[in-house]
N, C-alpha and C. Protein backbone atom coordinates (compact mmCIF):
# COMPACT_ATOMS: atom_id res chain seq x y z
N LEU A 1 40.02 26.29 47.39
CA LEU A 1 39.46 25.77 46.38
C LEU A 1 39.95 24.61 45.72
N ARG A 2 39.48 23.98 44.90
CA ARG A 2 40.00 22.77 44.27
C ARG A 2 40.79 23.30 42.76
N PRO A 3 41.49 22.91 42.36
CA PRO A 3 41.78 23.21 41.09
C PRO A 3 41.00 22.12 39.80
N LEU A 4 41.20 23.37 38.94
CA LEU A 4 40.06 23.12 38.17
C LEU A 4 40.42 21.65 37.25
N GLN A 5 41.30 21.01 37.07
CA GLN A 5 41.21 19.82 36.74
C GLN A 5 40.69 18.92 37.00
N ASP A 6 40.80 18.85 38.85
CA ASP A 6 40.23 17.87 38.86
C ASP A 6 39.27 17.42 39.80
N LYS A 7 38.03 18.51 39.37
CA LYS A 7 36.56 19.13 39.12
C LYS A 7 36.04 17.41 38.84
N GLU A 8 34.72 16.88 39.06
CA GLU A 8 34.40 15.88 38.75
C GLU A 8 32.88 16.51 37.36
N THR A 9 33.46 15.12 36.73
CA THR A 9 32.29 16.05 35.37
C THR A 9 30.71 14.95 35.83
N GLY A 10 29.89 15.63 35.42
CA GLY A 10 29.02 15.02 35.31
C GLY A 10 28.44 13.68 34.30
N SER A 11 27.20 13.68 34.59
CA SER A 11 26.89 13.00 33.29
C SER A 11 25.82 12.29 33.05
N LEU A 12 25.11 12.19 32.08
CA LEU A 12 23.50 12.36 31.48
C LEU A 12 22.87 11.30 32.50
N HIS A 13 21.42 11.97 32.98
CA HIS A 13 20.16 11.05 33.45
C HIS A 13 20.01 9.99 32.63
N PRO A 14 19.32 9.16 33.47
CA PRO A 14 19.04 7.86 32.04
C PRO A 14 17.87 8.03 31.22
N LEU A 15 17.10 8.75 32.11
CA LEU A 15 16.34 8.79 30.65
C LEU A 15 16.37 9.89 29.33
N SER A 16 17.43 11.03 29.56
CA SER A 16 18.52 11.55 28.78
C SER A 16 18.71 10.77 27.49
N ARG A 17 19.80 9.96 28.60
CA ARG A 17 20.45 9.06 27.29
C ARG A 17 19.77 7.79 26.43
N ILE A 18 18.60 7.37 27.40
CA ILE A 18 17.27 6.90 26.33
C ILE A 18 17.04 7.19 25.67
N GLN A 19 16.47 8.95 25.88
CA GLN A 19 15.60 9.38 25.16
C GLN A 19 16.96 9.83 23.21
N TYR A 20 17.60 9.90 23.60
CA TYR A 20 19.18 10.85 22.68
C TYR A 20 18.97 9.11 22.01
N GLU A 21 19.51 8.13 22.12
CA GLU A 21 19.54 6.47 21.80
C GLU A 21 18.22 7.03 21.20
N VAL A 22 17.45 6.89 21.24
CA VAL A 22 15.42 6.46 20.26
C VAL A 22 15.96 7.50 19.46
N GLU A 23 16.14 8.68 19.85
CA GLU A 23 16.03 10.04 18.77
C GLU A 23 17.28 9.75 17.42
N ASP A 24 18.43 8.81 17.77
CA ASP A 24 19.48 8.42 17.47
C ASP A 24 18.53 7.90 15.95
N ILE A 25 18.08 6.55 16.75
CA ILE A 25 17.55 5.83 16.03
C ILE A 25 16.80 6.09 15.08
N PHE A 26 15.66 6.95 15.17
CA PHE A 26 14.65 7.39 14.63
C PHE A 26 15.30 7.99 13.04
N THR A 27 16.32 8.94 13.80
CA THR A 27 16.28 10.18 12.90
C THR A 27 16.86 9.39 12.03
N SER A 28 18.12 8.17 12.08
CA SER A 28 18.59 8.04 10.70
C SER A 28 18.22 6.99 10.37
N MET A 29 16.64 7.20 10.33
CA MET A 29 15.09 6.34 9.16
C MET A 29 14.72 7.61 8.82
N GLY A 30 15.24 9.14 8.78
CA GLY A 30 14.45 10.15 8.66
C GLY A 30 13.34 10.94 9.27
N PHE A 31 13.00 10.51 10.10
CA PHE A 31 12.61 10.84 11.13
C PHE A 31 12.70 12.14 11.50
N GLN A 32 11.68 13.32 12.01
CA GLN A 32 12.45 14.43 12.55
C GLN A 32 11.82 14.58 13.85
N ILE A 33 12.58 15.05 15.00
CA ILE A 33 12.18 15.27 16.25
C ILE A 33 11.50 16.19 16.40
N MET A 34 9.84 16.36 16.83
CA MET A 34 9.00 16.66 17.27
C MET A 34 8.92 16.74 18.49
N ASP A 35 8.21 17.81 19.03
CA ASP A 35 7.73 18.41 20.75
C ASP A 35 6.57 18.57 20.93
N GLY A 36 5.98 19.17 21.94
CA GLY A 36 4.72 19.75 22.06
C GLY A 36 4.37 19.81 23.90
N PRO A 37 3.00 20.38 24.17
CA PRO A 37 3.11 21.24 25.64
C PRO A 37 2.29 19.76 26.77
N GLU A 38 3.17 19.85 27.55
CA GLU A 38 2.81 18.54 28.72
C GLU A 38 1.46 19.44 29.16
N VAL A 39 1.13 20.73 29.00
CA VAL A 39 -0.17 21.31 29.80
C VAL A 39 -1.11 21.36 28.32
N GLU A 40 -2.25 20.69 27.86
CA GLU A 40 -2.45 20.10 26.69
C GLU A 40 -4.29 20.20 26.93
N THR A 41 -4.92 21.11 25.99
CA THR A 41 -6.25 21.37 25.74
C THR A 41 -7.21 19.68 26.00
N ASP A 42 -8.15 19.62 26.41
CA ASP A 42 -9.38 18.32 26.03
C ASP A 42 -9.27 17.83 24.71
N TYR A 43 -9.65 19.47 23.51
CA TYR A 43 -9.30 18.44 22.28
C TYR A 43 -8.13 17.81 21.73
N ASN A 44 -6.76 18.57 21.52
CA ASN A 44 -5.93 17.97 21.69
C ASN A 44 -5.50 16.40 22.10
N ASN A 45 -5.16 16.92 23.02
CA ASN A 45 -5.46 15.26 23.94
C ASN A 45 -6.52 13.94 24.08
N PHE A 46 -7.47 14.85 23.76
CA PHE A 46 -9.31 13.41 23.95
C PHE A 46 -9.91 13.86 22.22
N GLU A 47 -10.54 14.31 22.13
CA GLU A 47 -11.44 14.82 20.75
C GLU A 47 -11.08 14.83 19.51
N ALA A 48 -9.98 15.50 19.12
CA ALA A 48 -9.37 14.82 18.10
C ALA A 48 -9.22 14.20 17.70
N LEU A 49 -8.33 13.23 19.21
CA LEU A 49 -8.05 11.52 19.01
C LEU A 49 -9.07 10.75 18.91
N ASN A 50 -10.40 11.09 18.63
CA ASN A 50 -11.77 10.32 18.49
C ASN A 50 -11.83 9.52 19.73
N PHE A 51 -11.38 10.25 20.68
CA PHE A 51 -12.33 9.80 22.41
C PHE A 51 -13.63 10.30 22.49
N THR A 52 -14.05 9.47 22.54
CA THR A 52 -15.69 9.71 23.14
C THR A 52 -16.17 10.28 24.06
N ALA A 53 -17.27 11.37 24.10
CA ALA A 53 -17.51 12.38 25.48
C ALA A 53 -17.08 11.46 26.94
N ASP A 54 -17.92 10.23 26.44
CA ASP A 54 -18.01 8.99 27.80
C ASP A 54 -16.87 8.40 27.91
N HIS A 55 -15.66 8.11 27.23
CA HIS A 55 -14.71 6.82 27.42
C HIS A 55 -13.79 7.21 28.71
N PRO A 56 -13.75 5.86 29.37
CA PRO A 56 -12.80 6.48 30.67
C PRO A 56 -11.61 6.97 31.32
N ALA A 57 -11.00 6.85 29.68
CA ALA A 57 -9.88 8.54 30.68
C ALA A 57 -10.01 9.72 30.38
N ARG A 58 -11.17 9.76 30.08
CA ARG A 58 -11.46 10.99 30.28
C ARG A 58 -12.28 11.62 31.68
N ASP A 59 -12.38 10.94 32.53
CA ASP A 59 -12.81 10.82 33.97
C ASP A 59 -11.40 11.68 34.83
N MET A 60 -12.14 11.93 36.22
CA MET A 60 -11.65 12.83 36.78
C MET A 60 -10.44 11.82 37.38
N GLN A 61 -10.83 10.75 37.82
CA GLN A 61 -10.09 9.42 38.63
C GLN A 61 -8.91 9.22 37.37
N ASP A 62 -9.13 9.09 36.37
CA ASP A 62 -7.83 8.50 35.43
C ASP A 62 -6.99 9.81 34.84
N THR A 63 -7.69 11.36 34.65
CA THR A 63 -6.86 11.99 34.31
C THR A 63 -6.53 13.36 35.10
N PHE A 64 -5.11 14.03 35.13
CA PHE A 64 -5.45 15.53 35.74
C PHE A 64 -5.39 16.30 35.71
N TYR A 65 -6.80 17.21 35.83
CA TYR A 65 -7.02 18.45 34.88
C TYR A 65 -6.53 19.61 35.92
N VAL A 66 -5.97 20.35 35.34
CA VAL A 66 -6.13 21.21 35.36
C VAL A 66 -7.27 22.31 35.79
N GLN A 67 -8.08 22.30 34.87
CA GLN A 67 -8.85 23.17 34.97
C GLN A 67 -10.23 22.62 33.92
N VAL A 68 -11.13 22.62 34.87
CA VAL A 68 -12.68 21.53 33.76
C VAL A 68 -13.41 22.39 32.51
N ASN A 69 -13.07 23.40 33.03
CA ASN A 69 -14.21 24.64 31.85
C ASN A 69 -13.97 26.02 31.45
N PRO A 70 -12.47 25.65 30.26
CA PRO A 70 -12.73 24.68 29.19
C PRO A 70 -11.68 23.89 30.01
N ALA A 71 -11.78 22.64 29.22
CA ALA A 71 -10.62 21.79 30.22
C ALA A 71 -9.31 21.38 29.47
N VAL A 72 -8.89 22.05 30.57
CA VAL A 72 -7.26 22.01 30.56
C VAL A 72 -6.92 20.82 31.01
N LEU A 73 -5.30 20.26 30.54
CA LEU A 73 -5.38 18.72 31.25
C LEU A 73 -4.00 18.87 31.47
N LEU A 74 -2.56 17.57 32.62
CA LEU A 74 -2.01 16.99 31.56
C LEU A 74 -1.91 16.00 30.78
N ARG A 75 -0.96 16.49 29.68
CA ARG A 75 -0.71 15.58 28.85
C ARG A 75 -1.24 13.44 29.22
N THR A 76 -2.15 12.94 28.84
CA THR A 76 -2.03 11.68 28.92
C THR A 76 -0.53 10.48 28.25
N HIS A 77 -0.91 11.55 27.12
CA HIS A 77 -0.01 10.43 26.23
C HIS A 77 0.81 11.79 25.03
N THR A 78 1.53 11.68 24.67
CA THR A 78 2.01 12.10 23.43
C THR A 78 1.62 12.16 22.09
N SER A 79 0.18 11.86 21.79
CA SER A 79 -0.75 11.55 21.25
C SER A 79 -0.78 13.12 20.91
N ASN A 80 -1.00 13.89 21.53
CA ASN A 80 -1.26 15.49 21.27
C ASN A 80 -0.10 15.83 20.55
N VAL A 81 0.71 15.32 19.96
CA VAL A 81 2.33 15.90 19.35
C VAL A 81 1.52 15.53 18.11
N GLN A 82 1.15 14.78 17.76
CA GLN A 82 0.55 14.68 16.12
C GLN A 82 -1.08 15.00 15.92
N ILE A 83 -1.42 15.19 16.83
CA ILE A 83 -2.50 16.34 16.30
C ILE A 83 -1.64 17.72 16.21
N ARG A 84 -1.27 17.97 16.83
CA ARG A 84 -0.53 19.23 16.62
C ARG A 84 0.47 19.93 15.40
N VAL A 85 1.06 18.37 15.31
CA VAL A 85 1.76 18.24 13.59
C VAL A 85 0.74 18.45 12.45
N MET A 86 -0.74 17.44 12.22
CA MET A 86 -1.24 18.01 11.14
C MET A 86 -1.66 18.73 10.88
N GLU A 87 -2.35 19.33 12.04
CA GLU A 87 -3.14 20.87 12.02
C GLU A 87 -2.18 21.85 11.62
N GLU A 88 -0.94 21.74 12.01
CA GLU A 88 -0.19 22.78 11.63
C GLU A 88 0.26 22.63 10.27
N LEU A 89 0.35 21.42 9.37
CA LEU A 89 0.49 20.82 8.12
C LEU A 89 -0.65 21.55 7.47
N THR A 90 -1.93 21.87 7.84
CA THR A 90 -2.93 21.60 7.21
C THR A 90 -2.71 23.23 7.02
N LYS A 91 -2.95 24.08 8.22
CA LYS A 91 -2.57 25.07 8.20
C LYS A 91 -1.56 26.19 6.86
N SER A 92 -0.54 25.45 7.12
CA SER A 92 0.50 25.83 6.32
C SER A 92 0.03 24.98 4.90
N GLY A 93 -0.91 24.67 4.31
CA GLY A 93 -1.18 24.42 3.16
C GLY A 93 -0.32 23.19 2.54
N LYS A 94 0.78 22.72 3.31
CA LYS A 94 1.43 21.69 2.99
C LYS A 94 1.06 20.31 2.35
N GLN A 95 2.09 19.07 1.67
CA GLN A 95 0.92 18.28 1.75
C GLN A 95 1.98 16.83 2.47
N PRO A 96 1.56 15.85 3.04
CA PRO A 96 2.15 14.54 3.69
C PRO A 96 3.38 15.07 2.13
N PRO A 97 4.81 13.76 2.78
CA PRO A 97 5.16 12.90 4.05
C PRO A 97 5.15 13.08 4.87
N VAL A 98 4.82 13.10 6.10
CA VAL A 98 4.78 13.41 7.26
C VAL A 98 5.53 12.39 8.57
N ARG A 99 6.51 12.45 8.33
CA ARG A 99 6.75 11.12 9.22
C ARG A 99 7.77 12.14 10.67
N ILE A 100 7.72 11.89 12.00
CA ILE A 100 7.89 12.41 13.52
C ILE A 100 7.85 11.63 13.97
N VAL A 101 8.70 12.00 15.33
CA VAL A 101 9.36 10.99 16.17
C VAL A 101 8.88 11.94 17.94
N ALA A 102 8.32 11.76 18.73
CA ALA A 102 8.32 12.52 19.97
C ALA A 102 8.30 11.93 21.06
N LEU A 103 9.25 12.69 22.37
CA LEU A 103 9.62 11.76 22.86
C LEU A 103 9.32 12.95 24.22
N GLY A 104 8.43 12.03 25.26
CA GLY A 104 8.05 13.07 26.83
C GLY A 104 7.64 12.80 27.78
N ARG A 105 7.15 13.26 28.78
CA ARG A 105 6.57 13.38 29.71
C ARG A 105 5.05 13.01 29.40
N THR A 106 4.78 11.77 30.35
CA THR A 106 2.98 11.68 30.33
C THR A 106 2.54 11.39 31.65
N TYR A 107 1.16 12.18 31.99
CA TYR A 107 0.69 12.11 33.12
C TYR A 107 -0.60 11.23 32.99
N ARG A 108 -0.94 9.92 34.07
CA ARG A 108 -2.23 9.75 34.70
C ARG A 108 -1.89 9.38 35.63
N ASN A 109 -3.40 9.43 36.27
CA ASN A 109 -3.70 9.46 38.04
C ASN A 109 -3.33 7.13 37.95
N GLU A 110 -1.98 7.30 38.19
CA GLU A 110 -2.09 5.51 38.43
C GLU A 110 -1.75 5.09 39.93
N THR A 111 -1.72 4.25 40.06
CA THR A 111 -1.86 3.44 40.97
C THR A 111 0.13 3.46 41.22
N ILE A 112 0.90 4.21 42.52
CA ILE A 112 2.51 4.10 41.64
C ILE A 112 2.93 2.46 42.64
N SER A 113 3.50 1.90 41.81
CA SER A 113 3.74 0.33 42.11
C SER A 113 5.43 0.09 41.36
N ALA A 114 5.69 -1.23 41.54
CA ALA A 114 7.20 -0.91 41.25
C ALA A 114 7.36 -0.82 39.39
N ARG A 115 5.85 -1.13 38.88
CA ARG A 115 5.93 -0.96 37.09
C ARG A 115 4.38 -0.10 36.53
N ALA A 116 4.15 0.80 37.87
CA ALA A 116 3.24 1.81 37.05
C ALA A 116 3.92 2.76 37.84
N HIS A 117 3.53 4.21 37.30
CA HIS A 117 3.92 5.59 38.05
C HIS A 117 3.05 6.61 37.28
N CYS A 118 2.42 8.18 38.29
CA CYS A 118 1.64 8.47 37.64
C CYS A 118 2.57 9.26 36.52
N THR A 119 3.85 9.52 36.48
CA THR A 119 4.37 10.25 35.43
C THR A 119 5.63 9.48 35.15
N PHE A 120 5.63 9.24 34.20
CA PHE A 120 6.61 8.50 32.80
C PHE A 120 6.40 9.31 31.13
N HIS A 121 7.15 8.23 30.30
CA HIS A 121 7.37 8.72 29.55
C HIS A 121 7.14 7.91 28.24
N GLN A 122 6.40 8.82 26.92
CA GLN A 122 5.87 8.03 25.82
C GLN A 122 7.44 8.33 24.60
N ILE A 123 7.21 7.29 24.08
CA ILE A 123 7.88 7.54 22.42
C ILE A 123 6.93 7.39 21.54
N GLU A 124 6.28 8.85 20.95
CA GLU A 124 5.42 9.15 19.72
C GLU A 124 5.63 8.75 18.34
N LEU A 125 5.15 7.81 17.47
CA LEU A 125 5.63 7.78 16.08
C LEU A 125 4.41 8.81 15.16
N LEU A 126 4.67 9.45 14.20
CA LEU A 126 3.85 9.45 13.03
C LEU A 126 4.52 9.28 11.47
N TYR A 127 3.59 8.87 10.61
CA TYR A 127 4.15 8.16 9.72
C TYR A 127 2.68 8.34 8.89
N ILE A 128 2.78 9.57 7.92
CA ILE A 128 1.57 9.80 6.97
C ILE A 128 2.23 9.50 5.73
N ASP A 129 2.14 8.76 4.09
CA ASP A 129 2.14 9.02 3.13
C ASP A 129 1.42 8.14 2.33
N GLU A 130 1.22 8.01 0.87
CA GLU A 130 0.96 7.26 0.30
C GLU A 130 1.76 5.66 0.22
N GLY A 131 0.55 4.16 0.55
CA GLY A 131 0.98 3.53 0.22
C GLY A 131 1.83 2.99 1.69
N VAL A 132 1.97 3.21 2.55
CA VAL A 132 2.13 2.96 3.82
C VAL A 132 1.51 1.65 4.12
N THR A 133 1.69 0.68 5.20
CA THR A 133 0.94 -0.57 5.49
C THR A 133 1.52 -0.47 6.79
N PHE A 134 0.50 -1.77 7.03
CA PHE A 134 0.95 -1.82 8.79
C PHE A 134 2.71 -2.73 8.48
N ALA A 135 2.54 -3.34 7.47
CA ALA A 135 4.52 -4.06 7.61
C ALA A 135 5.14 -2.91 7.75
N ASP A 136 4.89 -1.90 7.32
CA ASP A 136 6.17 -0.51 7.04
C ASP A 136 6.22 -0.78 8.67
N MET A 137 5.36 -0.58 9.24
CA MET A 137 5.09 -0.05 11.10
C MET A 137 5.98 -1.28 11.33
N LYS A 138 5.03 -2.46 11.55
CA LYS A 138 6.18 -3.54 12.09
C LYS A 138 6.93 -3.25 12.20
N GLN A 139 7.85 -3.49 10.77
CA GLN A 139 9.13 -3.68 10.51
C GLN A 139 10.30 -2.17 10.78
N THR A 140 9.21 -1.05 11.02
CA THR A 140 9.95 -0.12 12.15
C THR A 140 10.18 -0.53 13.21
N LEU A 141 9.39 -1.01 14.18
CA LEU A 141 9.05 -1.31 15.02
C LEU A 141 9.86 -2.69 15.54
N LEU A 142 9.94 -2.96 14.75
CA LEU A 142 11.13 -4.12 15.28
C LEU A 142 12.66 -3.71 14.54
N HIS A 143 13.12 -2.59 13.87
CA HIS A 143 14.21 -1.89 13.90
C HIS A 143 14.75 -1.60 15.06
N LEU A 144 13.27 -0.76 15.64
CA LEU A 144 13.35 0.20 17.30
C LEU A 144 13.73 -0.84 17.69
N ALA A 145 12.73 -2.39 18.39
CA ALA A 145 13.33 -2.95 19.30
C ALA A 145 14.37 -3.61 18.81
N GLN A 146 15.05 -3.89 17.91
CA GLN A 146 16.66 -4.66 17.64
C GLN A 146 17.70 -3.93 18.29
N GLU A 147 17.72 -2.58 18.05
CA GLU A 147 18.51 -1.26 18.02
C GLU A 147 18.63 -1.23 19.85
N LEU A 148 17.42 -1.47 20.53
CA LEU A 148 17.71 -1.04 22.37
C LEU A 148 17.94 -1.74 22.61
N TYR A 149 17.58 -3.13 22.53
CA TYR A 149 17.50 -4.45 22.99
C TYR A 149 18.62 -5.73 22.43
N GLY A 150 18.80 -5.28 21.40
CA GLY A 150 20.05 -6.80 20.95
C GLY A 150 19.20 -6.95 19.64
N ALA A 151 20.24 -7.62 18.59
CA ALA A 151 19.58 -7.81 17.65
C ALA A 151 19.16 -9.54 17.12
N GLN A 152 18.97 -10.01 18.35
CA GLN A 152 18.10 -11.19 18.43
C GLN A 152 16.57 -11.42 19.17
N THR A 153 16.13 -9.44 19.31
CA THR A 153 15.16 -9.25 20.20
C THR A 153 14.28 -9.79 18.62
N LYS A 154 12.90 -10.10 18.95
CA LYS A 154 11.81 -11.07 18.61
C LYS A 154 10.89 -9.73 19.50
N ILE A 155 9.84 -9.86 18.19
CA ILE A 155 8.43 -8.62 18.30
C ILE A 155 7.27 -9.64 18.12
N ARG A 156 6.34 -9.43 18.80
CA ARG A 156 5.28 -9.92 18.60
C ARG A 156 4.01 -8.34 18.39
N LEU A 157 2.86 -8.36 17.77
CA LEU A 157 1.90 -7.64 18.22
C LEU A 157 0.40 -9.01 18.43
N ARG A 158 -0.63 -7.97 19.02
CA ARG A 158 -1.39 -8.62 19.83
C ARG A 158 -2.50 -7.81 19.07
N PRO A 159 -3.43 -8.38 18.53
CA PRO A 159 -4.29 -7.27 18.21
C PRO A 159 -5.32 -6.43 19.56
N SER A 160 -5.56 -5.25 19.28
CA SER A 160 -5.76 -4.42 20.73
C SER A 160 -7.23 -3.39 20.13
N TYR A 161 -7.42 -2.35 20.80
CA TYR A 161 -7.77 -1.10 20.44
C TYR A 161 -7.40 -0.24 20.93
N PHE A 162 -7.66 0.94 20.32
CA PHE A 162 -7.49 2.48 20.79
C PHE A 162 -8.77 3.23 19.99
N PRO A 163 -8.55 4.71 20.27
CA PRO A 163 -9.56 5.14 19.67
C PRO A 163 -8.71 6.23 18.36
N PHE A 164 -8.03 6.26 18.31
CA PHE A 164 -7.53 6.87 17.29
C PHE A 164 -6.38 6.21 16.14
N THR A 165 -6.42 4.52 16.45
CA THR A 165 -5.73 3.91 15.59
C THR A 165 -6.81 2.47 14.96
N GLU A 166 -6.45 1.98 14.13
CA GLU A 166 -7.42 1.40 13.78
C GLU A 166 -6.99 0.67 12.03
N PRO A 167 -6.22 -0.39 12.30
CA PRO A 167 -6.39 -1.53 13.50
C PRO A 167 -5.13 -0.96 14.45
N SER A 168 -5.40 -1.90 15.54
CA SER A 168 -4.60 -1.46 16.72
C SER A 168 -4.05 -3.13 17.29
N ALA A 169 -3.02 -2.51 17.77
CA ALA A 169 -2.23 -3.70 18.66
C ALA A 169 -1.12 -3.08 19.37
N GLU A 170 -0.94 -4.55 20.62
CA GLU A 170 -0.02 -4.09 21.38
C GLU A 170 1.43 -4.89 21.25
N MET A 171 2.27 -4.08 21.60
CA MET A 171 3.61 -4.62 21.02
C MET A 171 4.55 -5.22 21.99
N ASP A 172 4.84 -6.12 21.96
CA ASP A 172 6.14 -7.16 23.33
C ASP A 172 7.50 -7.60 22.43
N VAL A 173 8.09 -7.37 22.71
CA VAL A 173 9.11 -7.50 22.45
C VAL A 173 9.76 -8.92 23.74
N SER A 174 10.83 -9.86 23.39
CA SER A 174 10.94 -11.02 23.95
C SER A 174 12.34 -10.67 25.13
N CYS A 175 11.62 -10.56 26.22
CA CYS A 175 12.49 -10.53 27.23
C CYS A 175 14.08 -10.05 27.08
N PHE A 176 14.08 -9.00 27.23
CA PHE A 176 15.93 -8.60 27.67
C PHE A 176 16.28 -9.06 28.79
N VAL A 177 15.65 -9.64 29.61
CA VAL A 177 16.52 -10.28 30.82
C VAL A 177 16.77 -11.45 30.87
N CYS A 178 15.51 -12.39 30.47
CA CYS A 178 16.30 -13.71 30.65
C CYS A 178 15.82 -14.57 29.11
N GLY A 179 15.49 -13.52 27.91
CA GLY A 179 16.37 -14.09 26.69
C GLY A 179 14.33 -15.02 26.24
N GLY A 180 14.00 -14.86 26.89
CA GLY A 180 12.58 -14.88 26.37
C GLY A 180 12.66 -16.45 26.90
N SER A 181 13.00 -17.35 28.40
CA SER A 181 13.08 -18.58 28.69
C SER A 181 12.01 -18.41 29.88
N GLY A 182 11.91 -17.13 30.54
CA GLY A 182 10.70 -17.24 31.70
C GLY A 182 11.30 -16.30 32.61
N CYS A 183 11.39 -14.88 33.22
CA CYS A 183 11.72 -14.53 34.73
C CYS A 183 10.87 -13.50 35.45
N ALA A 184 10.72 -13.30 36.90
CA ALA A 184 9.94 -12.19 36.99
C ALA A 184 9.73 -11.08 36.53
N ILE A 185 10.71 -10.32 35.95
CA ILE A 185 10.62 -9.06 34.60
C ILE A 185 9.53 -9.34 34.22
N CYS A 186 9.62 -10.68 32.98
CA CYS A 186 8.23 -11.05 32.21
C CYS A 186 7.23 -12.23 32.54
N LYS A 187 7.20 -12.11 33.90
CA LYS A 187 6.29 -12.62 34.40
C LYS A 187 6.12 -14.14 34.22
N HIS A 188 7.46 -14.82 33.84
CA HIS A 188 7.49 -16.48 33.09
C HIS A 188 6.52 -16.28 31.94
N THR A 189 6.48 -15.15 31.14
CA THR A 189 6.16 -15.24 29.64
C THR A 189 7.04 -15.47 29.00
N GLY A 190 7.99 -14.73 28.44
CA GLY A 190 9.54 -14.72 27.84
C GLY A 190 9.13 -12.99 27.34
N TRP A 191 7.52 -12.25 27.30
CA TRP A 191 7.38 -11.55 26.62
C TRP A 191 7.18 -10.25 27.53
N VAL A 192 7.25 -8.87 27.32
CA VAL A 192 7.13 -7.88 28.14
C VAL A 192 6.68 -6.72 26.61
N GLU A 193 5.58 -6.16 27.78
CA GLU A 193 4.73 -5.23 26.93
C GLU A 193 5.46 -3.79 26.66
N ILE A 194 5.54 -3.48 25.50
CA ILE A 194 6.24 -1.96 25.78
C ILE A 194 5.33 -0.95 25.34
N GLY A 195 4.32 -1.25 24.57
CA GLY A 195 3.54 0.04 24.14
C GLY A 195 2.72 -0.93 23.41
N GLY A 196 1.79 0.40 22.95
CA GLY A 196 0.58 0.09 21.72
C GLY A 196 1.16 0.65 20.35
N CYS A 197 0.31 0.29 19.62
CA CYS A 197 0.83 0.69 18.03
C CYS A 197 -0.51 0.83 17.20
N GLY A 198 -0.56 1.06 15.62
CA GLY A 198 -1.68 1.19 14.80
C GLY A 198 -1.84 2.09 13.75
N MET A 199 -1.94 1.93 12.57
CA MET A 199 -2.76 2.20 12.02
C MET A 199 -3.55 3.33 12.18
N VAL A 200 -3.03 5.37 12.08
CA VAL A 200 -3.69 6.44 12.16
C VAL A 200 -5.30 5.92 11.78
N ASP A 201 -6.55 6.38 12.72
CA ASP A 201 -8.18 6.57 11.89
C ASP A 201 -7.90 7.17 11.17
N PRO A 202 -8.57 6.73 10.00
CA PRO A 202 -9.34 8.14 9.45
C PRO A 202 -9.98 9.04 10.12
N VAL A 203 -10.84 9.08 10.69
CA VAL A 203 -11.48 10.43 11.46
C VAL A 203 -10.58 11.14 11.88
N VAL A 204 -8.75 10.94 12.80
CA VAL A 204 -7.76 11.72 13.14
C VAL A 204 -7.79 12.23 12.31
N LEU A 205 -7.40 11.81 11.12
CA LEU A 205 -6.99 12.28 9.55
C LEU A 205 -8.19 13.41 9.21
N GLU A 206 -9.02 13.03 9.50
CA GLU A 206 -10.19 14.01 9.22
C GLU A 206 -10.05 15.19 9.78
N ASN A 207 -10.37 15.04 11.40
CA ASN A 207 -10.23 15.98 12.37
C ASN A 207 -9.22 16.63 11.92
N CYS A 208 -8.31 16.83 11.59
CA CYS A 208 -7.21 17.66 11.50
C CYS A 208 -6.64 18.15 9.88
N GLY A 209 -8.51 17.75 9.00
CA GLY A 209 -7.61 18.27 8.08
C GLY A 209 -7.45 17.58 6.95
């Protein structure tokens, strides 16, 4: 047997390292870390988030269903956590503010390539309080980007659509490889899309009480 002191120590998985880094960034801003199940109901994954019954995301070719009736599936986003957090708040009789961050695996029936996989990770933020504006969201996301990719990082928000936010935007960061000058990673645009964002749609708030 090798002496104990000669044993090699392990290291954190890269995904664990980035998860802890992101959690540290948001806990420093007062966010609480939350988690939710990866096997979820259709209600928490789609219906409560204002997805219509005929929304393409609910099709069998896009979502991994565990059973069809009642619908149980592998969550397609970490937005199921915000539904559970808001419903628990309503049940307990507590009032906002709510400020949570949830990180975890998500699943979609994607064609596997260098840029996509059927299993991937998402960061979910939820901030509910009086007087919260789109500008608050933008500043929060800018802080995240600069903490992750460096103080020189810029962001841009492009109008988009999601059933559970209004208004909605896609978020890009200035390329962290070429600095925005253009390369293969950013497809020579100088920008890399890293996620979607928006203000919680009032319908979702009503669905959760």
